[in-house]
PDB file of all heavy atoms in Angstrom:
ATOM      1  N   SER A   1     246.649 -20.202  66.758  1.00  0.00           N
ATOM      2  CA  SER A   1     247.556 -21.340  66.564  1.00  0.00           C
ATOM      3  C   SER A   1     246.766 -22.608  66.274  1.00  0.00           C
ATOM      4  O   SER A   1     247.129 -23.382  65.370  1.00  0.00           O
ATOM      5  CB  SER A   1     248.414 -21.524  67.817  1.00  0.00           C
ATOM      6  OG  SER A   1     249.188 -22.704  67.730  1.00  0.00           O
ATOM      7  N   ALA A   2     245.689 -22.828  67.005  1.00  0.00           N
ATOM      8  CA  ALA A   2     244.866 -24.023  66.788  1.00  0.00           C
ATOM      9  C   ALA A   2     244.240 -24.003  65.396  1.00  0.00           C
ATOM     10  O   ALA A   2     244.179 -25.039  64.714  1.00  0.00           O
ATOM     11  CB  ALA A   2     243.769 -24.099  67.854  1.00  0.00           C
ATOM     12  N   ILE A   3     243.763 -22.841  64.966  1.00  0.00           N
ATOM     13  CA  ILE A   3     243.159 -22.707  63.629  1.00  0.00           C
ATOM     14  C   ILE A   3     244.184 -23.048  62.554  1.00  0.00           C
ATOM     15  O   ILE A   3     243.903 -23.792  61.607  1.00  0.00           O
ATOM     16  CB  ILE A   3     242.613 -21.281  63.430  1.00  0.00           C
ATOM     17  CG1 ILE A   3     241.413 -21.038  64.360  1.00  0.00           C
ATOM     18  CG2 ILE A   3     242.214 -21.040  61.972  1.00  0.00           C
ATOM     19  CD1 ILE A   3     240.968 -19.588  64.426  1.00  0.00           C
ATOM     20  N   ALA A   4     245.397 -22.528  62.718  1.00  0.00           N
ATOM     21  CA  ALA A   4     246.460 -22.780  61.732  1.00  0.00           C
ATOM     22  C   ALA A   4     246.856 -24.255  61.712  1.00  0.00           C
ATOM     23  O   ALA A   4     247.064 -24.837  60.646  1.00  0.00           O
ATOM     24  CB  ALA A   4     247.667 -21.901  62.047  1.00  0.00           C
ATOM     25  N   GLN A   5     246.949 -24.876  62.885  1.00  0.00           N
ATOM     26  CA  GLN A   5     247.349 -26.280  62.956  1.00  0.00           C
ATOM     27  C   GLN A   5     246.333 -27.206  62.296  1.00  0.00           C
ATOM     28  O   GLN A   5     246.696 -28.285  61.816  1.00  0.00           O
ATOM     29  CB  GLN A   5     247.542 -26.679  64.420  1.00  0.00           C
ATOM     30  CG  GLN A   5     248.785 -26.087  65.055  1.00  0.00           C
ATOM     31  CD  GLN A   5     248.870 -26.379  66.543  1.00  0.00           C
ATOM     32  OE1 GLN A   5     248.111 -27.188  67.076  1.00  0.00           O
ATOM     33  NE2 GLN A   5     249.798 -25.711  67.234  1.00  0.00           N
ATOM     34  N   CYS A   6     245.082 -26.783  62.246  1.00  0.00           N
ATOM     35  CA  CYS A   6     244.042 -27.593  61.605  1.00  0.00           C
ATOM     36  C   CYS A   6     243.836 -27.219  60.138  1.00  0.00           C
ATOM     37  O   CYS A   6     242.886 -27.697  59.491  1.00  0.00           O
ATOM     38  CB  CYS A   6     242.723 -27.449  62.373  1.00  0.00           C
ATOM     39  SG  CYS A   6     242.789 -28.141  64.039  1.00  0.00           S
ATOM     40  N   ASP A   7     244.712 -26.358  59.619  1.00  0.00           N
ATOM     41  CA  ASP A   7     244.673 -25.938  58.207  1.00  0.00           C
ATOM     42  C   ASP A   7     243.352 -25.269  57.831  1.00  0.00           C
ATOM     43  O   ASP A   7     242.899 -25.376  56.681  1.00  0.00           O
ATOM     44  CB  ASP A   7     244.925 -27.128  57.268  1.00  0.00           C
ATOM     45  CG  ASP A   7     246.356 -27.650  57.385  1.00  0.00           C
ATOM     46  OD1 ASP A   7     247.263 -26.829  57.634  1.00  0.00           O
ATOM     47  OD2 ASP A   7     246.548 -28.858  57.247  1.00  0.00           O
ATOM     48  N   MET A   8     242.736 -24.589  58.785  1.00  0.00           N
ATOM     49  CA  MET A   8     241.527 -23.838  58.478  1.00  0.00           C
ATOM     50  C   MET A   8     241.897 -22.398  58.143  1.00  0.00           C
ATOM     51  O   MET A   8     242.935 -21.885  58.584  1.00  0.00           O
ATOM     52  CB  MET A   8     240.541 -23.897  59.646  1.00  0.00           C
ATOM     53  CG  MET A   8     240.077 -25.315  59.951  1.00  0.00           C
ATOM     54  SD  MET A   8     238.685 -25.402  61.096  1.00  0.00           S
ATOM     55  CE  MET A   8     237.299 -25.018  60.014  1.00  0.00           C
ATOM     56  N   HIS A   9     241.046 -21.755  57.369  1.00  0.00           N
ATOM     57  CA  HIS A   9     241.349 -20.414  56.872  1.00  0.00           C
ATOM     58  C   HIS A   9     240.747 -19.370  57.804  1.00  0.00           C
ATOM     59  O   HIS A   9     239.538 -19.334  58.029  1.00  0.00           O
ATOM     60  CB  HIS A   9     240.785 -20.239  55.459  1.00  0.00           C
ATOM     61  CG  HIS A   9     241.044 -18.889  54.870  1.00  0.00           C
ATOM     62  ND1 HIS A   9     242.303 -18.450  54.534  1.00  0.00           N
ATOM     63  CD2 HIS A   9     240.197 -17.870  54.567  1.00  0.00           C
ATOM     64  CE1 HIS A   9     242.226 -17.234  54.027  1.00  0.00           C
ATOM     65  NE2 HIS A   9     240.956 -16.854  54.048  1.00  0.00           N
ATOM     66  N   HIS A  10     241.609 -18.505  58.350  1.00  0.00           N
ATOM     67  CA  HIS A  10     241.169 -17.429  59.244  1.00  0.00           C
ATOM     68  C   HIS A  10     240.764 -16.227  58.385  1.00  0.00           C
ATOM     69  O   HIS A  10     241.600 -15.599  57.742  1.00  0.00           O
ATOM     70  CB  HIS A  10     242.321 -17.065  60.197  1.00  0.00           C
ATOM     71  CG  HIS A  10     242.032 -15.867  61.051  1.00  0.00           C
ATOM     72  ND1 HIS A  10     242.985 -14.910  61.331  1.00  0.00           N
ATOM     73  CD2 HIS A  10     240.902 -15.475  61.671  1.00  0.00           C
ATOM     74  CE1 HIS A  10     242.456 -13.987  62.101  1.00  0.00           C
ATOM     75  NE2 HIS A  10     241.198 -14.309  62.316  1.00  0.00           N
ATOM     76  N   GLN A  11     239.467 -15.908  58.390  1.00  0.00           N
ATOM     77  CA  GLN A  11     238.961 -14.854  57.513  1.00  0.00           C
ATOM     78  C   GLN A  11     238.789 -13.507  58.201  1.00  0.00           C
ATOM     79  O   GLN A  11     238.997 -12.464  57.594  1.00  0.00           O
ATOM     80  CB  GLN A  11     237.625 -15.296  56.898  1.00  0.00           C
ATOM     81  CG  GLN A  11     237.756 -16.528  56.014  1.00  0.00           C
ATOM     82  CD  GLN A  11     236.454 -16.881  55.316  1.00  0.00           C
ATOM     83  OE1 GLN A  11     235.372 -16.666  55.850  1.00  0.00           O
ATOM     84  NE2 GLN A  11     236.563 -17.410  54.117  1.00  0.00           N
ATOM     85  N   ASP A  12     238.367 -13.536  59.455  1.00  0.00           N
ATOM     86  CA  ASP A  12     238.087 -12.272  60.141  1.00  0.00           C
ATOM     87  C   ASP A  12     237.996 -12.530  61.639  1.00  0.00           C
ATOM     88  O   ASP A  12     237.842 -13.673  62.073  1.00  0.00           O
ATOM     89  CB  ASP A  12     236.758 -11.687  59.629  1.00  0.00           C
ATOM     90  CG  ASP A  12     236.535 -10.250  60.084  1.00  0.00           C
ATOM     91  OD1 ASP A  12     237.515  -9.589  60.498  1.00  0.00           O
ATOM     92  OD2 ASP A  12     235.378  -9.791  60.028  1.00  0.00           O
ATOM     93  N   GLN A  13     238.098 -11.471  62.433  1.00  0.00           N
ATOM     94  CA  GLN A  13     237.858 -11.587  63.859  1.00  0.00           C
ATOM     95  C   GLN A  13     237.348 -10.258  64.406  1.00  0.00           C
ATOM     96  O   GLN A  13     237.636  -9.195  63.851  1.00  0.00           O
ATOM     97  CB  GLN A  13     239.108 -12.037  64.611  1.00  0.00           C
ATOM     98  CG  GLN A  13     240.274 -11.053  64.603  1.00  0.00           C
ATOM     99  CD  GLN A  13     241.514 -11.687  65.200  1.00  0.00           C
ATOM    100  OE1 GLN A  13     242.041 -12.671  64.667  1.00  0.00           O
ATOM    101  NE2 GLN A  13     241.999 -11.128  66.307  1.00  0.00           N
ATOM    102  N   GLN A  14     236.557 -10.346  65.469  1.00  0.00           N
ATOM    103  CA  GLN A  14     235.961  -9.157  66.074  1.00  0.00           C
ATOM    104  C   GLN A  14     236.045  -9.253  67.588  1.00  0.00           C
ATOM    105  O   GLN A  14     235.794 -10.317  68.160  1.00  0.00           O
ATOM    106  CB  GLN A  14     234.476  -9.024  65.684  1.00  0.00           C
ATOM    107  CG  GLN A  14     234.222  -8.787  64.208  1.00  0.00           C
ATOM    108  CD  GLN A  14     232.736  -8.689  63.913  1.00  0.00           C
ATOM    109  OE1 GLN A  14     231.929  -9.384  64.513  1.00  0.00           O
ATOM    110  NE2 GLN A  14     232.381  -7.811  62.991  1.00  0.00           N
ATOM    111  N   ARG A  15     236.371  -8.147  68.218  1.00  0.00           N
ATOM    112  CA  ARG A  15     236.288  -8.063  69.674  1.00  0.00           C
ATOM    113  C   ARG A  15     234.872  -7.633  70.018  1.00  0.00           C
ATOM    114  O   ARG A  15     234.531  -6.457  69.957  1.00  0.00           O
ATOM    115  CB  ARG A  15     237.317  -7.074  70.215  1.00  0.00           C
ATOM    116  CG  ARG A  15     238.749  -7.488  69.928  1.00  0.00           C
ATOM    117  CD  ARG A  15     239.769  -6.570  70.603  1.00  0.00           C
ATOM    118  NE  ARG A  15     241.114  -6.986  70.233  1.00  0.00           N
ATOM    119  CZ  ARG A  15     241.770  -7.980  70.794  1.00  0.00           C
ATOM    120  NH1 ARG A  15     241.196  -8.655  71.774  1.00  0.00           N
ATOM    121  NH2 ARG A  15     242.979  -8.306  70.390  1.00  0.00           N
ATOM    122  N   VAL A  16     234.040  -8.600  70.331  1.00  0.00           N
ATOM    123  CA  VAL A  16     232.625  -8.310  70.581  1.00  0.00           C
ATOM    124  C   VAL A  16     232.479  -7.460  71.843  1.00  0.00           C
ATOM    125  O   VAL A  16     231.780  -6.449  71.856  1.00  0.00           O
ATOM    126  CB  VAL A  16     231.809  -9.608  70.713  1.00  0.00           C
ATOM    127  CG1 VAL A  16     230.331  -9.301  70.873  1.00  0.00           C
ATOM    128  CG2 VAL A  16     232.031 -10.489  69.483  1.00  0.00           C
ATOM    129  N   THR A  17     233.136  -7.871  72.903  1.00  0.00           N
ATOM    130  CA  THR A  17     233.229  -7.077  74.127  1.00  0.00           C
ATOM    131  C   THR A  17     234.686  -7.123  74.562  1.00  0.00           C
ATOM    132  O   THR A  17     235.162  -8.179  74.979  1.00  0.00           O
ATOM    133  CB  THR A  17     232.335  -7.641  75.250  1.00  0.00           C
ATOM    134  OG1 THR A  17     230.970  -7.621  74.821  1.00  0.00           O
ATOM    135  CG2 THR A  17     232.474  -6.811  76.524  1.00  0.00           C
ATOM    136  N   PRO A  18     235.416  -6.007  74.448  1.00  0.00           N
ATOM    137  CA  PRO A  18     236.841  -6.017  74.789  1.00  0.00           C
ATOM    138  C   PRO A  18     237.089  -6.590  76.176  1.00  0.00           C
ATOM    139  O   PRO A  18     236.432  -6.241  77.148  1.00  0.00           O
ATOM    140  CB  PRO A  18     237.213  -4.524  74.733  1.00  0.00           C
ATOM    141  CG  PRO A  18     236.247  -3.944  73.735  1.00  0.00           C
ATOM    142  CD  PRO A  18     234.960  -4.694  73.958  1.00  0.00           C
ATOM    143  N   GLY A  19     238.035  -7.535  76.231  1.00  0.00           N
ATOM    144  CA  GLY A  19     238.395  -8.143  77.501  1.00  0.00           C
ATOM    145  C   GLY A  19     237.526  -9.303  77.916  1.00  0.00           C
ATOM    146  O   GLY A  19     237.819  -9.998  78.891  1.00  0.00           O
ATOM    147  N   LYS A  20     236.426  -9.552  77.165  1.00  0.00           N
ATOM    148  CA  LYS A  20     235.507 -10.638  77.545  1.00  0.00           C
ATOM    149  C   LYS A  20     235.165 -11.581  76.406  1.00  0.00           C
ATOM    150  O   LYS A  20     235.023 -12.775  76.631  1.00  0.00           O
ATOM    151  CB  LYS A  20     234.214 -10.060  78.116  1.00  0.00           C
ATOM    152  CG  LYS A  20     234.356  -9.487  79.512  1.00  0.00           C
ATOM    153  CD  LYS A  20     232.997  -9.178  80.113  1.00  0.00           C
ATOM    154  CE  LYS A  20     233.136  -8.702  81.555  1.00  0.00           C
ATOM    155  NZ  LYS A  20     231.814  -8.460  82.189  1.00  0.00           N
ATOM    156  N   CYS A  21     234.991 -11.069  75.200  1.00  0.00           N
ATOM    157  CA  CYS A  21     234.564 -11.936  74.102  1.00  0.00           C
ATOM    158  C   CYS A  21     235.226 -11.537  72.788  1.00  0.00           C
ATOM    159  O   CYS A  21     235.241 -10.359  72.410  1.00  0.00           O
ATOM    160  CB  CYS A  21     233.044 -11.890  73.938  1.00  0.00           C
ATOM    161  SG  CYS A  21     232.442 -12.963  72.598  1.00  0.00           S
ATOM    162  N   LEU A  22     235.755 -12.540  72.122  1.00  0.00           N
ATOM    163  CA  LEU A  22     236.386 -12.387  70.814  1.00  0.00           C
ATOM    164  C   LEU A  22     235.827 -13.465  69.903  1.00  0.00           C
ATOM    165  O   LEU A  22     235.679 -14.618  70.312  1.00  0.00           O
ATOM    166  CB  LEU A  22     237.905 -12.545  70.956  1.00  0.00           C
ATOM    167  CG  LEU A  22     238.778 -12.473  69.704  1.00  0.00           C
ATOM    168  CD1 LEU A  22     238.700 -11.079  69.086  1.00  0.00           C
ATOM    169  CD2 LEU A  22     240.224 -12.815  70.057  1.00  0.00           C
ATOM    170  N   GLN A  23     235.479 -13.092  68.661  1.00  0.00           N
ATOM    171  CA  GLN A  23     234.944 -14.065  67.712  1.00  0.00           C
ATOM    172  C   GLN A  23     235.785 -14.104  66.439  1.00  0.00           C
ATOM    173  O   GLN A  23     236.193 -13.060  65.918  1.00  0.00           O
ATOM    174  CB  GLN A  23     233.492 -13.740  67.373  1.00  0.00           C
ATOM    175  CG  GLN A  23     232.548 -14.051  68.523  1.00  0.00           C
ATOM    176  CD  GLN A  23     231.098 -13.813  68.197  1.00  0.00           C
ATOM    177  OE1 GLN A  23     230.759 -12.968  67.381  1.00  0.00           O
ATOM    178  NE2 GLN A  23     230.206 -14.554  68.865  1.00  0.00           N
ATOM    179  N   PHE A  24     236.042 -15.327  65.973  1.00  0.00           N
ATOM    180  CA  PHE A  24     236.807 -15.557  64.754  1.00  0.00           C
ATOM    181  C   PHE A  24     235.871 -16.120  63.692  1.00  0.00           C
ATOM    182  O   PHE A  24     235.055 -17.005  63.977  1.00  0.00           O
ATOM    183  CB  PHE A  24     237.927 -16.571  65.001  1.00  0.00           C
ATOM    184  CG  PHE A  24     238.934 -16.154  66.035  1.00  0.00           C
ATOM    185  CD1 PHE A  24     238.682 -16.346  67.385  1.00  0.00           C
ATOM    186  CD2 PHE A  24     240.132 -15.573  65.658  1.00  0.00           C
ATOM    187  CE1 PHE A  24     239.599 -15.977  68.345  1.00  0.00           C
ATOM    188  CE2 PHE A  24     241.065 -15.195  66.622  1.00  0.00           C
ATOM    189  CZ  PHE A  24     240.800 -15.397  67.965  1.00  0.00           C
ATOM    190  N   VAL A  25     235.996 -15.639  62.475  1.00  0.00           N
ATOM    191  CA  VAL A  25     235.297 -16.211  61.328  1.00  0.00           C
ATOM    192  C   VAL A  25     236.317 -17.026  60.554  1.00  0.00           C
ATOM    193  O   VAL A  25     237.356 -16.502  60.135  1.00  0.00           O
ATOM    194  CB  VAL A  25     234.695 -15.123  60.416  1.00  0.00           C
ATOM    195  CG1 VAL A  25     233.951 -15.765  59.247  1.00  0.00           C
ATOM    196  CG2 VAL A  25     233.775 -14.205  61.208  1.00  0.00           C
ATOM    197  N   ILE A  26     236.051 -18.326  60.391  1.00  0.00           N
ATOM    198  CA  ILE A  26     237.000 -19.215  59.724  1.00  0.00           C
ATOM    199  C   ILE A  26     236.255 -20.076  58.711  1.00  0.00           C
ATOM    200  O   ILE A  26     235.025 -20.158  58.721  1.00  0.00           O
ATOM    201  CB  ILE A  26     237.731 -20.119  60.734  1.00  0.00           C
ATOM    202  CG1 ILE A  26     236.729 -21.003  61.494  1.00  0.00           C
ATOM    203  CG2 ILE A  26     238.545 -19.275  61.717  1.00  0.00           C
ATOM    204  CD1 ILE A  26     237.377 -21.985  62.459  1.00  0.00           C
ATOM    205  N   SER A  27     237.002 -20.729  57.851  1.00  0.00           N
ATOM    206  CA  SER A  27     236.392 -21.640  56.881  1.00  0.00           C
ATOM    207  C   SER A  27     237.222 -22.910  56.784  1.00  0.00           C
ATOM    208  O   SER A  27     238.422 -22.922  57.047  1.00  0.00           O
ATOM    209  CB  SER A  27     236.256 -20.971  55.508  1.00  0.00           C
ATOM    210  OG  SER A  27     237.531 -20.639  54.986  1.00  0.00           O
ATOM    211  N   GLY A  28     236.547 -23.985  56.391  1.00  0.00           N
ATOM    212  CA  GLY A  28     237.205 -25.273  56.258  1.00  0.00           C
ATOM    213  C   GLY A  28     236.175 -26.361  56.064  1.00  0.00           C
ATOM    214  O   GLY A  28     234.969 -26.087  56.012  1.00  0.00           O
ATOM    215  N   ASN A  29     236.621 -27.597  55.982  1.00  0.00           N
ATOM    216  CA  ASN A  29     235.680 -28.700  55.805  1.00  0.00           C
ATOM    217  C   ASN A  29     235.285 -29.291  57.162  1.00  0.00           C
ATOM    218  O   ASN A  29     235.829 -28.921  58.208  1.00  0.00           O
ATOM    219  CB  ASN A  29     236.257 -29.768  54.867  1.00  0.00           C
ATOM    220  CG  ASN A  29     237.561 -30.356  55.387  1.00  0.00           C
ATOM    221  OD1 ASN A  29     237.698 -30.638  56.581  1.00  0.00           O
ATOM    222  ND2 ASN A  29     238.520 -30.565  54.485  1.00  0.00           N
ATOM    223  N   SER A  30     234.354 -30.210  57.150  1.00  0.00           N
ATOM    224  CA  SER A  30     233.819 -30.759  58.394  1.00  0.00           C
ATOM    225  C   SER A  30     234.871 -31.540  59.179  1.00  0.00           C
ATOM    226  O   SER A  30     234.882 -31.522  60.411  1.00  0.00           O
ATOM    227  CB  SER A  30     232.615 -31.661  58.102  1.00  0.00           C
ATOM    228  OG  SER A  30     232.969 -32.705  57.215  1.00  0.00           O
ATOM    229  N   GLU A  31     235.759 -32.227  58.484  1.00  0.00           N
ATOM    230  CA  GLU A  31     236.813 -32.991  59.151  1.00  0.00           C
ATOM    231  C   GLU A  31     237.759 -32.053  59.897  1.00  0.00           C
ATOM    232  O   GLU A  31     238.150 -32.314  61.048  1.00  0.00           O
ATOM    233  CB  GLU A  31     237.591 -33.817  58.130  1.00  0.00           C
ATOM    234  CG  GLU A  31     238.651 -34.716  58.741  1.00  0.00           C
ATOM    235  CD  GLU A  31     239.348 -35.585  57.706  1.00  0.00           C
ATOM    236  OE1 GLU A  31     238.722 -35.914  56.686  1.00  0.00           O
ATOM    237  OE2 GLU A  31     240.518 -35.930  57.939  1.00  0.00           O
ATOM    238  N   GLN A  32     238.132 -30.952  59.250  1.00  0.00           N
ATOM    239  CA  GLN A  32     238.994 -29.964  59.898  1.00  0.00           C
ATOM    240  C   GLN A  32     238.292 -29.336  61.097  1.00  0.00           C
ATOM    241  O   GLN A  32     238.903 -29.099  62.144  1.00  0.00           O
ATOM    242  CB  GLN A  32     239.377 -28.872  58.894  1.00  0.00           C
ATOM    243  CG  GLN A  32     240.316 -29.344  57.797  1.00  0.00           C
ATOM    244  CD  GLN A  32     240.456 -28.309  56.692  1.00  0.00           C
ATOM    245  OE1 GLN A  32     239.494 -27.592  56.368  1.00  0.00           O
ATOM    246  NE2 GLN A  32     241.649 -28.217  56.120  1.00  0.00           N
ATOM    247  N   ALA A  33     236.991 -29.082  60.951  1.00  0.00           N
ATOM    248  CA  ALA A  33     236.223 -28.468  62.034  1.00  0.00           C
ATOM    249  C   ALA A  33     236.160 -29.383  63.249  1.00  0.00           C
ATOM    250  O   ALA A  33     236.273 -28.922  64.394  1.00  0.00           O
ATOM    251  CB  ALA A  33     234.819 -28.123  61.555  1.00  0.00           C
ATOM    252  N   GLU A  34     235.994 -30.686  63.023  1.00  0.00           N
ATOM    253  CA  GLU A  34     235.953 -31.635  64.140  1.00  0.00           C
ATOM    254  C   GLU A  34     237.310 -31.706  64.835  1.00  0.00           C
ATOM    255  O   GLU A  34     237.389 -31.767  66.078  1.00  0.00           O
ATOM    256  CB  GLU A  34     235.547 -33.018  63.637  1.00  0.00           C
ATOM    257  CG  GLU A  34     235.404 -34.062  64.738  1.00  0.00           C
ATOM    258  CD  GLU A  34     234.396 -33.683  65.813  1.00  0.00           C
ATOM    259  OE1 GLU A  34     233.395 -33.012  65.495  1.00  0.00           O
ATOM    260  OE2 GLU A  34     234.629 -34.054  66.993  1.00  0.00           O
ATOM    261  N   GLN A  35     238.370 -31.682  64.052  1.00  0.00           N
ATOM    262  CA  GLN A  35     239.712 -31.684  64.623  1.00  0.00           C
ATOM    263  C   GLN A  35     239.924 -30.422  65.455  1.00  0.00           C
ATOM    264  O   GLN A  35     240.466 -30.481  66.577  1.00  0.00           O
ATOM    265  CB  GLN A  35     240.752 -31.758  63.505  1.00  0.00           C
ATOM    266  CG  GLN A  35     242.193 -31.779  64.000  1.00  0.00           C
ATOM    267  CD  GLN A  35     243.201 -31.750  62.849  1.00  0.00           C
ATOM    268  OE1 GLN A  35     242.836 -31.829  61.675  1.00  0.00           O
ATOM    269  NE2 GLN A  35     244.464 -31.613  63.194  1.00  0.00           N
ATOM    270  N   LEU A  36     239.480 -29.282  64.927  1.00  0.00           N
ATOM    271  CA  LEU A  36     239.626 -28.017  65.653  1.00  0.00           C
ATOM    272  C   LEU A  36     238.801 -28.026  66.938  1.00  0.00           C
ATOM    273  O   LEU A  36     239.254 -27.546  67.982  1.00  0.00           O
ATOM    274  CB  LEU A  36     239.198 -26.848  64.762  1.00  0.00           C
ATOM    275  CG  LEU A  36     239.244 -25.460  65.420  1.00  0.00           C
ATOM    276  CD1 LEU A  36     240.667 -25.115  65.870  1.00  0.00           C
ATOM    277  CD2 LEU A  36     238.703 -24.395  64.461  1.00  0.00           C
ATOM    278  N   LYS A  37     237.602 -28.577  66.872  1.00  0.00           N
ATOM    279  CA  LYS A  37     236.738 -28.625  68.052  1.00  0.00           C
ATOM    280  C   LYS A  37     237.424 -29.362  69.193  1.00  0.00           C
ATOM    281  O   LYS A  37     237.388 -28.923  70.353  1.00  0.00           O
ATOM    282  CB  LYS A  37     235.408 -29.300  67.701  1.00  0.00           C
ATOM    283  CG  LYS A  37     234.424 -29.348  68.859  1.00  0.00           C
ATOM    284  CD  LYS A  37     233.105 -29.962  68.420  1.00  0.00           C
ATOM    285  CE  LYS A  37     232.122 -30.018  69.587  1.00  0.00           C
ATOM    286  NZ  LYS A  37     230.816 -30.590  69.188  1.00  0.00           N
ATOM    287  N   GLN A  38     238.063 -30.500  68.892  1.00  0.00           N
ATOM    288  CA  GLN A  38     238.755 -31.261  69.924  1.00  0.00           C
ATOM    289  C   GLN A  38     239.936 -30.479  70.490  1.00  0.00           C
ATOM    290  O   GLN A  38     240.189 -30.489  71.707  1.00  0.00           O
ATOM    291  CB  GLN A  38     239.238 -32.603  69.349  1.00  0.00           C
ATOM    292  CG  GLN A  38     238.124 -33.520  68.880  1.00  0.00           C
ATOM    293  CD  GLN A  38     237.107 -33.796  69.971  1.00  0.00           C
ATOM    294  OE1 GLN A  38     237.465 -34.050  71.129  1.00  0.00           O
ATOM    295  NE2 GLN A  38     235.829 -33.742  69.628  1.00  0.00           N
ATOM    296  N   SER A  39     240.651 -29.788  69.625  1.00  0.00           N
ATOM    297  CA  SER A  39     241.786 -28.976  70.068  1.00  0.00           C
ATOM    298  C   SER A  39     241.329 -27.828  70.957  1.00  0.00           C
ATOM    299  O   SER A  39     241.939 -27.538  71.990  1.00  0.00           O
ATOM    300  CB  SER A  39     242.540 -28.431  68.856  1.00  0.00           C
ATOM    301  OG  SER A  39     243.585 -27.567  69.258  1.00  0.00           O
ATOM    302  N   LEU A  40     240.220 -27.188  70.573  1.00  0.00           N
ATOM    303  CA  LEU A  40     239.701 -26.057  71.346  1.00  0.00           C
ATOM    304  C   LEU A  40     239.181 -26.517  72.706  1.00  0.00           C
ATOM    305  O   LEU A  40     239.315 -25.809  73.705  1.00  0.00           O
ATOM    306  CB  LEU A  40     238.596 -25.341  70.571  1.00  0.00           C
ATOM    307  CG  LEU A  40     239.023 -24.650  69.277  1.00  0.00           C
ATOM    308  CD1 LEU A  40     237.813 -24.029  68.586  1.00  0.00           C
ATOM    309  CD2 LEU A  40     240.088 -23.588  69.546  1.00  0.00           C
ATOM    310  N   PHE A  41     238.579 -27.707  72.750  1.00  0.00           N
ATOM    311  CA  PHE A  41     238.072 -28.241  74.011  1.00  0.00           C
ATOM    312  C   PHE A  41     239.216 -28.420  75.005  1.00  0.00           C
ATOM    313  O   PHE A  41     239.102 -28.068  76.184  1.00  0.00           O
ATOM    314  CB  PHE A  41     237.369 -29.578  73.770  1.00  0.00           C
ATOM    315  CG  PHE A  41     236.734 -30.170  75.004  1.00  0.00           C
ATOM    316  CD1 PHE A  41     235.480 -29.755  75.431  1.00  0.00           C
ATOM    317  CD2 PHE A  41     237.401 -31.137  75.747  1.00  0.00           C
ATOM    318  CE1 PHE A  41     234.901 -30.289  76.575  1.00  0.00           C
ATOM    319  CE2 PHE A  41     236.822 -31.685  76.884  1.00  0.00           C
ATOM    320  CZ  PHE A  41     235.572 -31.253  77.304  1.00  0.00           C
TER     321      PHE A  41
END
């Protein structure tokens, strides 16, 4: 939801360790990334 709200493109995701770690691969510009960082925090 946070990725979508910042208009960043969700490219891929992996469950690195099920139940403990998940990683998303996304793309966007630096302004969008800063906005997303604040939302994620």
